[in-house]
N, C-alpha and C. Protein backbone atom coordinates (compact mmCIF):
# COMPACT_ATOMS: atom_id res chain seq x y z
N UNK A 1 -0.25 45.52 58.23
CA UNK A 1 -0.18 45.00 56.89
C UNK A 1 0.71 43.76 56.89
N UNK A 2 0.34 42.77 56.11
CA UNK A 2 1.11 41.53 56.01
C UNK A 2 2.44 41.77 55.29
N UNK A 3 3.44 40.98 55.67
CA UNK A 3 4.78 41.13 55.10
C UNK A 3 4.80 41.00 53.58
N UNK A 4 4.07 40.03 53.04
CA UNK A 4 4.10 39.85 51.59
C UNK A 4 3.55 41.07 50.86
N UNK A 5 2.58 41.76 51.46
CA UNK A 5 2.05 42.98 50.85
C UNK A 5 3.06 44.12 50.94
N UNK A 6 3.81 44.17 52.04
CA UNK A 6 4.85 45.19 52.17
C UNK A 6 5.94 44.95 51.14
N UNK A 7 6.36 43.70 50.99
CA UNK A 7 7.38 43.36 49.99
C UNK A 7 6.90 43.73 48.60
N UNK A 8 5.63 43.46 48.31
CA UNK A 8 5.08 43.84 47.00
C UNK A 8 5.12 45.35 46.78
N UNK A 9 4.90 46.12 47.84
CA UNK A 9 5.02 47.58 47.71
C UNK A 9 6.44 47.96 47.32
N UNK A 10 7.43 47.30 47.94
CA UNK A 10 8.82 47.56 47.56
C UNK A 10 9.05 47.19 46.10
N UNK A 11 8.56 46.03 45.70
CA UNK A 11 8.77 45.57 44.33
C UNK A 11 8.11 46.49 43.32
N UNK A 12 7.00 47.11 43.71
CA UNK A 12 6.30 48.07 42.85
C UNK A 12 6.91 49.47 42.93
N UNK A 13 7.93 49.62 43.80
CA UNK A 13 8.60 50.90 44.05
C UNK A 13 7.62 51.94 44.60
N UNK A 14 6.71 51.47 45.42
CA UNK A 14 5.72 52.32 46.08
C UNK A 14 6.31 52.80 47.40
N UNK A 15 6.41 54.12 47.57
CA UNK A 15 7.05 54.68 48.76
C UNK A 15 6.31 54.36 50.06
N UNK A 16 5.08 53.89 49.97
CA UNK A 16 4.36 53.46 51.16
C UNK A 16 5.02 52.25 51.82
N UNK A 17 5.88 51.57 51.08
CA UNK A 17 6.60 50.42 51.63
C UNK A 17 7.42 50.82 52.85
N UNK A 18 8.06 51.97 52.76
CA UNK A 18 8.89 52.43 53.87
C UNK A 18 8.02 52.75 55.07
N UNK A 19 6.92 53.44 54.85
CA UNK A 19 6.02 53.80 55.95
C UNK A 19 5.45 52.55 56.62
N UNK A 20 5.07 51.56 55.81
CA UNK A 20 4.53 50.32 56.36
C UNK A 20 5.59 49.53 57.11
N UNK A 21 6.82 49.53 56.60
CA UNK A 21 7.92 48.85 57.28
C UNK A 21 8.19 49.52 58.63
N UNK A 22 8.23 50.83 58.61
CA UNK A 22 8.45 51.57 59.85
C UNK A 22 7.33 51.29 60.84
N UNK A 23 6.11 51.31 60.35
CA UNK A 23 4.94 51.06 61.18
C UNK A 23 5.02 49.70 61.88
N UNK A 24 5.43 48.69 61.14
CA UNK A 24 5.42 47.32 61.65
C UNK A 24 6.69 46.95 62.42
N UNK A 25 7.85 47.47 61.99
CA UNK A 25 9.12 46.97 62.52
C UNK A 25 9.97 48.00 63.26
N UNK A 26 9.44 49.19 63.50
CA UNK A 26 10.25 50.21 64.17
C UNK A 26 10.70 49.78 65.57
N UNK A 27 9.80 49.25 66.37
CA UNK A 27 10.17 48.83 67.73
C UNK A 27 11.18 47.68 67.70
N UNK A 28 10.96 46.73 66.82
CA UNK A 28 11.87 45.59 66.66
C UNK A 28 13.27 46.08 66.28
N UNK A 29 13.35 46.94 65.28
CA UNK A 29 14.64 47.44 64.83
C UNK A 29 15.29 48.34 65.88
N UNK A 30 14.48 49.14 66.56
CA UNK A 30 15.05 50.00 67.59
C UNK A 30 15.69 49.17 68.69
N UNK A 31 15.04 48.07 69.08
CA UNK A 31 15.62 47.24 70.14
C UNK A 31 16.92 46.60 69.69
N UNK A 32 17.01 46.19 68.43
CA UNK A 32 18.26 45.64 67.90
C UNK A 32 19.35 46.72 67.94
N UNK A 33 19.02 47.87 67.41
CA UNK A 33 19.99 48.94 67.32
C UNK A 33 20.41 49.45 68.70
N UNK A 34 19.46 49.61 69.59
CA UNK A 34 19.78 50.16 70.91
C UNK A 34 20.65 49.21 71.73
N UNK A 35 20.46 47.91 71.54
CA UNK A 35 21.29 46.96 72.27
C UNK A 35 22.75 47.04 71.84
N UNK A 36 23.00 47.58 70.67
CA UNK A 36 24.36 47.73 70.16
C UNK A 36 24.89 49.14 70.44
N UNK A 37 24.08 50.15 70.18
CA UNK A 37 24.56 51.53 70.21
C UNK A 37 24.32 52.26 71.54
N UNK A 38 23.27 51.93 72.24
CA UNK A 38 22.93 52.59 73.51
C UNK A 38 22.85 54.11 73.38
N UNK A 39 22.35 54.58 72.26
CA UNK A 39 22.20 56.01 72.04
C UNK A 39 20.98 56.23 71.14
N UNK A 40 20.00 56.95 71.66
CA UNK A 40 18.74 57.13 70.94
C UNK A 40 18.94 57.80 69.59
N UNK A 41 19.73 58.85 69.53
CA UNK A 41 19.94 59.57 68.28
C UNK A 41 20.63 58.69 67.23
N UNK A 42 21.65 57.95 67.66
CA UNK A 42 22.32 57.03 66.73
C UNK A 42 21.35 55.96 66.24
N UNK A 43 20.48 55.48 67.14
CA UNK A 43 19.50 54.46 66.76
C UNK A 43 18.52 55.00 65.74
N UNK A 44 18.04 56.21 65.96
CA UNK A 44 17.09 56.80 65.01
C UNK A 44 17.73 56.98 63.65
N UNK A 45 18.98 57.41 63.63
CA UNK A 45 19.71 57.56 62.38
C UNK A 45 19.88 56.20 61.69
N UNK A 46 20.21 55.19 62.48
CA UNK A 46 20.39 53.85 61.94
C UNK A 46 19.08 53.30 61.39
N UNK A 47 17.97 53.56 62.07
CA UNK A 47 16.68 53.09 61.57
C UNK A 47 16.35 53.73 60.23
N UNK A 48 16.60 55.02 60.09
CA UNK A 48 16.37 55.68 58.80
C UNK A 48 17.24 55.05 57.71
N UNK A 49 18.50 54.78 58.07
CA UNK A 49 19.40 54.12 57.11
C UNK A 49 18.91 52.71 56.77
N UNK A 50 18.31 52.04 57.76
CA UNK A 50 17.77 50.69 57.54
C UNK A 50 16.66 50.72 56.50
N UNK A 51 15.75 51.65 56.64
CA UNK A 51 14.63 51.74 55.69
C UNK A 51 15.15 52.07 54.29
N UNK A 52 16.12 52.95 54.19
CA UNK A 52 16.71 53.29 52.90
C UNK A 52 17.42 52.07 52.30
N UNK A 53 18.16 51.34 53.13
CA UNK A 53 18.86 50.15 52.63
C UNK A 53 17.87 49.09 52.16
N UNK A 54 16.76 48.95 52.87
CA UNK A 54 15.72 48.00 52.43
C UNK A 54 15.15 48.45 51.08
N UNK A 55 14.90 49.74 50.94
CA UNK A 55 14.39 50.28 49.67
C UNK A 55 15.35 49.96 48.52
N UNK A 56 16.64 50.11 48.79
CA UNK A 56 17.65 49.85 47.75
C UNK A 56 17.88 48.37 47.49
N UNK A 57 17.55 47.51 48.47
CA UNK A 57 17.82 46.08 48.33
C UNK A 57 16.64 45.30 47.75
N UNK A 58 15.43 45.85 47.87
CA UNK A 58 14.24 45.18 47.34
C UNK A 58 13.70 46.02 46.20
N UNK A 59 13.64 45.62 44.98
CA UNK A 59 14.44 44.56 44.39
C UNK A 59 15.91 44.94 44.32
N UNK A 60 16.79 44.05 44.01
CA UNK A 60 16.60 42.75 43.39
C UNK A 60 16.23 41.64 44.38
N UNK A 61 16.51 41.82 45.67
CA UNK A 61 16.16 40.77 46.63
C UNK A 61 14.66 40.69 46.79
N UNK A 62 14.20 39.51 47.09
CA UNK A 62 12.78 39.27 47.39
C UNK A 62 12.74 38.43 48.66
N UNK A 63 12.81 39.11 49.83
CA UNK A 63 12.94 38.36 51.09
C UNK A 63 11.71 37.52 51.39
N UNK A 64 11.97 36.29 51.82
CA UNK A 64 10.88 35.41 52.24
C UNK A 64 10.41 35.78 53.63
N UNK A 65 11.33 36.25 54.47
CA UNK A 65 11.00 36.65 55.84
C UNK A 65 11.43 38.09 56.02
N UNK A 66 10.49 39.01 55.93
CA UNK A 66 10.81 40.43 55.98
C UNK A 66 11.40 40.84 57.32
N UNK A 67 10.90 40.29 58.41
CA UNK A 67 11.42 40.64 59.73
C UNK A 67 12.91 40.31 59.84
N UNK A 68 13.28 39.13 59.40
CA UNK A 68 14.69 38.73 59.44
C UNK A 68 15.52 39.60 58.52
N UNK A 69 15.01 39.87 57.33
CA UNK A 69 15.71 40.70 56.35
C UNK A 69 15.97 42.10 56.90
N UNK A 70 14.93 42.72 57.44
CA UNK A 70 15.06 44.07 58.01
C UNK A 70 15.95 44.03 59.24
N UNK A 71 15.79 43.00 60.08
CA UNK A 71 16.61 42.88 61.28
C UNK A 71 18.10 42.75 60.96
N UNK A 72 18.43 41.98 59.93
CA UNK A 72 19.83 41.82 59.54
C UNK A 72 20.41 43.14 59.04
N UNK A 73 19.63 43.87 58.25
CA UNK A 73 20.10 45.16 57.76
C UNK A 73 20.35 46.10 58.94
N UNK A 74 19.40 46.17 59.85
CA UNK A 74 19.51 47.05 61.01
C UNK A 74 20.72 46.67 61.87
N UNK A 75 20.90 45.39 62.08
CA UNK A 75 22.03 44.92 62.91
C UNK A 75 23.36 45.28 62.24
N UNK A 76 23.46 45.05 60.93
CA UNK A 76 24.70 45.35 60.21
C UNK A 76 25.00 46.85 60.27
N UNK A 77 23.99 47.68 60.03
CA UNK A 77 24.20 49.12 60.08
C UNK A 77 24.53 49.60 61.49
N UNK A 78 23.90 49.00 62.48
CA UNK A 78 24.19 49.37 63.87
C UNK A 78 25.62 49.00 64.24
N UNK A 79 26.07 47.82 63.82
CA UNK A 79 27.46 47.42 64.09
C UNK A 79 28.44 48.34 63.37
N UNK A 80 28.12 48.73 62.14
CA UNK A 80 28.98 49.67 61.43
C UNK A 80 29.06 51.00 62.16
N UNK A 81 27.92 51.47 62.65
CA UNK A 81 27.88 52.73 63.40
C UNK A 81 28.67 52.58 64.71
N UNK A 82 28.50 51.43 65.37
CA UNK A 82 29.23 51.18 66.61
C UNK A 82 30.74 51.20 66.35
N UNK A 83 31.17 50.52 65.29
CA UNK A 83 32.61 50.50 64.96
C UNK A 83 33.12 51.91 64.70
N UNK A 84 32.33 52.67 63.96
CA UNK A 84 32.71 54.05 63.67
C UNK A 84 32.81 54.87 64.96
N UNK A 85 31.82 54.73 65.82
CA UNK A 85 31.81 55.48 67.09
C UNK A 85 32.93 55.06 68.02
N UNK A 86 33.33 53.80 67.97
CA UNK A 86 34.32 53.32 68.93
C UNK A 86 35.72 53.21 68.33
N UNK A 87 35.92 53.77 67.15
CA UNK A 87 37.24 53.69 66.52
C UNK A 87 38.30 54.36 67.38
N UNK A 88 37.95 55.46 68.02
CA UNK A 88 38.92 56.18 68.84
C UNK A 88 38.85 55.82 70.30
N UNK A 89 37.77 55.20 70.71
CA UNK A 89 37.63 54.84 72.12
C UNK A 89 37.26 53.37 72.23
N UNK A 90 37.90 52.69 73.08
CA UNK A 90 37.59 51.29 73.32
C UNK A 90 37.03 51.16 74.72
N UNK A 91 36.01 50.31 74.87
CA UNK A 91 35.40 50.21 76.18
C UNK A 91 34.89 48.81 76.44
N UNK A 92 34.19 48.66 77.55
CA UNK A 92 33.69 47.37 77.97
C UNK A 92 32.20 47.24 77.75
N UNK A 93 31.69 47.74 76.62
CA UNK A 93 30.26 47.62 76.37
C UNK A 93 29.90 46.19 75.97
N UNK A 94 28.61 45.92 75.83
CA UNK A 94 28.15 44.55 75.56
C UNK A 94 28.66 44.02 74.23
N UNK A 95 28.76 44.87 73.22
CA UNK A 95 29.25 44.41 71.91
C UNK A 95 30.70 43.96 72.03
N UNK A 96 31.52 44.80 72.66
CA UNK A 96 32.93 44.45 72.84
C UNK A 96 33.08 43.18 73.67
N UNK A 97 32.32 43.11 74.77
CA UNK A 97 32.40 41.92 75.63
C UNK A 97 31.97 40.66 74.88
N UNK A 98 30.91 40.78 74.08
CA UNK A 98 30.43 39.62 73.32
C UNK A 98 31.47 39.16 72.31
N UNK A 99 32.07 40.12 71.58
CA UNK A 99 33.11 39.76 70.63
C UNK A 99 34.30 39.11 71.33
N UNK A 100 34.70 39.68 72.46
CA UNK A 100 35.83 39.12 73.21
C UNK A 100 35.55 37.70 73.67
N UNK A 101 34.33 37.44 74.14
CA UNK A 101 33.97 36.09 74.59
C UNK A 101 34.05 35.09 73.44
N UNK A 102 33.59 35.48 72.26
CA UNK A 102 33.57 34.55 71.13
C UNK A 102 34.93 34.37 70.47
N UNK A 103 35.83 35.32 70.63
CA UNK A 103 37.14 35.19 70.00
C UNK A 103 37.87 33.93 70.45
N UNK A 104 37.63 33.50 71.69
CA UNK A 104 38.27 32.29 72.18
C UNK A 104 37.82 31.04 71.45
N UNK A 105 36.64 31.11 70.83
CA UNK A 105 36.13 29.94 70.09
C UNK A 105 36.78 29.79 68.73
N UNK A 106 37.23 30.87 68.14
CA UNK A 106 37.70 30.78 66.76
C UNK A 106 39.20 30.97 66.62
N UNK A 107 39.89 31.18 67.73
CA UNK A 107 41.34 31.24 67.67
C UNK A 107 41.86 32.66 67.77
N UNK A 108 43.08 32.76 68.25
CA UNK A 108 43.68 34.07 68.48
C UNK A 108 44.29 34.67 67.21
N UNK A 109 44.60 33.85 66.21
CA UNK A 109 45.25 34.38 65.02
C UNK A 109 44.27 35.02 64.05
N UNK A 110 42.98 34.93 64.33
CA UNK A 110 41.96 35.55 63.47
C UNK A 110 41.00 36.31 64.37
N UNK A 111 40.68 37.50 64.02
CA UNK A 111 39.70 38.23 64.83
C UNK A 111 38.30 37.73 64.49
N UNK A 112 37.42 37.86 65.42
CA UNK A 112 36.04 37.41 65.22
C UNK A 112 35.40 38.12 64.04
N UNK A 113 35.62 39.40 63.93
CA UNK A 113 34.99 40.17 62.85
C UNK A 113 35.41 39.65 61.47
N UNK A 114 36.66 39.28 61.31
CA UNK A 114 37.13 38.76 60.03
C UNK A 114 36.55 37.37 59.76
N UNK A 115 36.59 36.51 60.78
CA UNK A 115 36.13 35.14 60.60
C UNK A 115 34.63 35.07 60.37
N UNK A 116 33.89 35.97 61.00
CA UNK A 116 32.44 35.96 60.85
C UNK A 116 32.02 36.21 59.41
N UNK A 117 32.84 36.94 58.67
CA UNK A 117 32.53 37.26 57.28
C UNK A 117 32.71 36.05 56.37
N UNK A 118 33.40 35.07 56.82
CA UNK A 118 33.63 33.89 55.99
C UNK A 118 32.40 33.00 56.03
N UNK A 119 31.90 32.65 54.90
CA UNK A 119 30.66 31.88 54.82
C UNK A 119 30.75 30.53 55.52
N UNK A 120 31.88 29.89 55.44
CA UNK A 120 31.99 28.56 56.04
C UNK A 120 31.81 28.62 57.56
N UNK A 121 32.33 29.66 58.18
CA UNK A 121 32.15 29.81 59.61
C UNK A 121 30.69 30.08 59.94
N UNK A 122 30.07 30.95 59.18
CA UNK A 122 28.66 31.26 59.41
C UNK A 122 27.80 30.01 59.27
N UNK A 123 28.05 29.25 58.22
CA UNK A 123 27.27 28.02 58.02
C UNK A 123 27.49 27.03 59.17
N UNK A 124 28.72 26.91 59.61
CA UNK A 124 29.03 25.98 60.71
C UNK A 124 28.36 26.42 62.00
N UNK A 125 28.38 27.70 62.29
CA UNK A 125 27.72 28.20 63.50
C UNK A 125 26.22 27.95 63.41
N UNK A 126 25.63 28.20 62.25
CA UNK A 126 24.19 27.94 62.09
C UNK A 126 23.85 26.47 62.29
N UNK A 127 24.68 25.59 61.76
CA UNK A 127 24.46 24.15 61.96
C UNK A 127 24.58 23.79 63.44
N UNK A 128 25.57 24.35 64.10
CA UNK A 128 25.75 24.11 65.53
C UNK A 128 24.53 24.58 66.31
N UNK A 129 24.07 25.78 66.03
CA UNK A 129 22.91 26.33 66.74
C UNK A 129 21.66 25.49 66.52
N UNK A 130 21.51 24.96 65.33
CA UNK A 130 20.33 24.13 65.04
C UNK A 130 20.31 22.87 65.90
N UNK A 131 21.47 22.43 66.36
CA UNK A 131 21.55 21.23 67.18
C UNK A 131 21.41 21.48 68.68
N UNK A 132 21.30 22.73 69.08
CA UNK A 132 21.17 23.05 70.50
C UNK A 132 19.73 22.90 70.96
N UNK A 133 19.57 22.71 72.27
CA UNK A 133 18.23 22.77 72.86
C UNK A 133 17.72 24.20 72.68
N UNK A 134 16.42 24.34 72.63
CA UNK A 134 15.81 25.63 72.33
C UNK A 134 16.28 26.75 73.28
N UNK A 135 16.27 26.49 74.59
CA UNK A 135 16.68 27.54 75.53
C UNK A 135 18.15 27.89 75.39
N UNK A 136 19.00 26.89 75.15
CA UNK A 136 20.43 27.17 74.95
C UNK A 136 20.62 28.05 73.73
N UNK A 137 19.91 27.73 72.65
CA UNK A 137 20.01 28.50 71.41
C UNK A 137 19.51 29.94 71.64
N UNK A 138 18.39 30.08 72.33
CA UNK A 138 17.85 31.41 72.58
C UNK A 138 18.79 32.25 73.43
N UNK A 139 19.37 31.66 74.46
CA UNK A 139 20.31 32.39 75.32
C UNK A 139 21.53 32.81 74.50
N UNK A 140 22.05 31.90 73.69
CA UNK A 140 23.21 32.18 72.85
C UNK A 140 22.92 33.32 71.87
N UNK A 141 21.77 33.26 71.23
CA UNK A 141 21.39 34.29 70.25
C UNK A 141 21.18 35.63 70.94
N UNK A 142 20.55 35.62 72.11
CA UNK A 142 20.36 36.87 72.86
C UNK A 142 21.71 37.53 73.15
N UNK A 143 22.69 36.74 73.51
CA UNK A 143 24.00 37.29 73.87
C UNK A 143 24.80 37.71 72.65
N UNK A 144 24.87 36.85 71.65
CA UNK A 144 25.82 37.07 70.56
C UNK A 144 25.20 37.59 69.27
N UNK A 145 23.89 37.67 69.20
CA UNK A 145 23.25 38.32 68.05
C UNK A 145 22.70 39.67 68.47
N UNK A 146 21.96 39.68 69.59
CA UNK A 146 21.35 40.92 70.06
C UNK A 146 22.22 41.67 71.06
N UNK A 147 23.31 41.04 71.53
CA UNK A 147 24.25 41.66 72.46
C UNK A 147 23.59 42.05 73.78
N UNK A 148 22.65 41.24 74.23
CA UNK A 148 22.02 41.49 75.53
C UNK A 148 23.02 41.23 76.64
N UNK A 149 22.87 41.93 77.74
CA UNK A 149 23.74 41.73 78.89
C UNK A 149 23.38 40.41 79.58
N UNK A 150 24.31 39.89 80.34
CA UNK A 150 24.08 38.66 81.11
C UNK A 150 22.86 38.84 82.01
N UNK A 151 22.80 39.99 82.66
CA UNK A 151 21.69 40.26 83.59
C UNK A 151 20.34 40.26 82.87
N UNK A 152 20.29 40.89 81.69
CA UNK A 152 19.03 40.93 80.93
C UNK A 152 18.61 39.52 80.49
N UNK A 153 19.57 38.72 80.07
CA UNK A 153 19.26 37.35 79.64
C UNK A 153 18.78 36.53 80.83
N UNK A 154 19.47 36.65 81.95
CA UNK A 154 19.08 35.90 83.15
C UNK A 154 17.66 36.26 83.55
N UNK A 155 17.35 37.51 83.51
CA UNK A 155 16.01 37.97 83.88
C UNK A 155 14.96 37.43 82.90
N UNK A 156 15.26 37.51 81.60
CA UNK A 156 14.31 37.06 80.57
C UNK A 156 13.97 35.57 80.71
N UNK A 157 14.98 34.76 81.07
CA UNK A 157 14.77 33.31 81.15
C UNK A 157 14.59 32.81 82.58
N UNK A 158 14.52 33.73 83.53
CA UNK A 158 14.37 33.38 84.96
C UNK A 158 15.51 32.48 85.44
N UNK A 159 16.73 32.80 85.02
CA UNK A 159 17.93 32.11 85.46
C UNK A 159 18.71 33.05 86.36
N UNK A 160 19.61 32.49 87.14
CA UNK A 160 20.55 33.33 87.87
C UNK A 160 21.63 33.79 86.88
N UNK A 161 22.32 34.86 87.24
CA UNK A 161 23.42 35.34 86.38
C UNK A 161 24.49 34.27 86.25
N UNK A 162 24.79 33.57 87.35
CA UNK A 162 25.84 32.56 87.28
C UNK A 162 25.43 31.39 86.38
N UNK A 163 24.15 31.00 86.43
CA UNK A 163 23.69 29.93 85.53
C UNK A 163 23.78 30.38 84.08
N UNK A 164 23.41 31.63 83.82
CA UNK A 164 23.48 32.16 82.46
C UNK A 164 24.92 32.19 81.96
N UNK A 165 25.84 32.67 82.79
CA UNK A 165 27.26 32.70 82.42
C UNK A 165 27.78 31.30 82.14
N UNK A 166 27.41 30.35 83.01
CA UNK A 166 27.88 28.98 82.84
C UNK A 166 27.30 28.37 81.57
N UNK A 167 26.02 28.61 81.30
CA UNK A 167 25.40 28.09 80.09
C UNK A 167 26.10 28.63 78.85
N UNK A 168 26.40 29.93 78.85
CA UNK A 168 27.10 30.53 77.72
C UNK A 168 28.51 29.98 77.57
N UNK A 169 29.21 29.80 78.69
CA UNK A 169 30.57 29.26 78.62
C UNK A 169 30.56 27.83 78.07
N UNK A 170 29.65 27.02 78.56
CA UNK A 170 29.57 25.64 78.07
C UNK A 170 29.20 25.61 76.59
N UNK A 171 28.30 26.48 76.20
CA UNK A 171 27.91 26.53 74.78
C UNK A 171 29.08 27.00 73.93
N UNK A 172 29.82 27.99 74.39
CA UNK A 172 31.01 28.44 73.64
C UNK A 172 32.04 27.31 73.54
N UNK A 173 32.24 26.58 74.63
CA UNK A 173 33.19 25.46 74.62
C UNK A 173 32.74 24.40 73.61
N UNK A 174 31.44 24.10 73.61
CA UNK A 174 30.92 23.12 72.65
C UNK A 174 31.03 23.64 71.22
N UNK A 175 30.81 24.94 71.03
CA UNK A 175 30.97 25.54 69.71
C UNK A 175 32.41 25.39 69.23
N UNK A 176 33.35 25.67 70.11
CA UNK A 176 34.76 25.55 69.73
C UNK A 176 35.09 24.11 69.34
N UNK A 177 34.65 23.15 70.15
CA UNK A 177 34.87 21.74 69.82
C UNK A 177 34.23 21.38 68.48
N UNK A 178 33.03 21.88 68.26
CA UNK A 178 32.31 21.61 67.01
C UNK A 178 33.08 22.18 65.82
N UNK A 179 33.55 23.41 65.95
CA UNK A 179 34.28 24.04 64.84
C UNK A 179 35.60 23.32 64.56
N UNK A 180 36.25 22.80 65.58
CA UNK A 180 37.47 22.01 65.40
C UNK A 180 37.12 20.71 64.68
N UNK A 181 36.07 20.04 65.16
CA UNK A 181 35.64 18.77 64.55
C UNK A 181 35.26 18.94 63.09
N UNK A 182 34.63 20.08 62.76
CA UNK A 182 34.22 20.35 61.39
C UNK A 182 35.37 20.82 60.51
N UNK A 183 36.53 21.05 61.12
CA UNK A 183 37.69 21.49 60.35
C UNK A 183 37.73 22.98 60.09
N UNK A 184 36.86 23.73 60.73
CA UNK A 184 36.85 25.18 60.55
C UNK A 184 38.00 25.79 61.34
N UNK A 185 38.31 25.20 62.48
CA UNK A 185 39.44 25.62 63.31
C UNK A 185 40.43 24.49 63.44
N UNK A 186 41.64 24.86 63.77
CA UNK A 186 42.66 23.83 63.97
C UNK A 186 43.02 23.73 65.42
């Protein structure tokens, strides 16, 4: 079913909207959630919460891109679940590593999680990403949006792990310079 028809089902408060969303986006959302949580049961719970959150958000929202809308909800809920699960235990998983890598770009006096919530930072990062070459942007998004491992990214783009690490480091360095130039960082 086309996205606009699924959105119309939500707007009509037709419960088939959830079934159609699950039908079309379950694999997409599962991959987002699993890259963060690495636990099938937690992912399934998060997917159910995603469909409920979409039901509650449409209306009043009328998403132009349903995949992005659903993906953002799933990612946010997965990160919330990850934070809850890791409150008592800290580890070296991909989410933690990704956050640690990006913290150097935005300064030590502010945590990445706090700064990311600020709209000006989000807008600046989006502007920066729009100026990157397509492969650089895709590699960056795979690492810092989907939390893919270096090895998975290298394999996906047919790069060596060292090339992938270097590309990410250079992109992070350029991001930091960009954020300083834009006045987001000092």
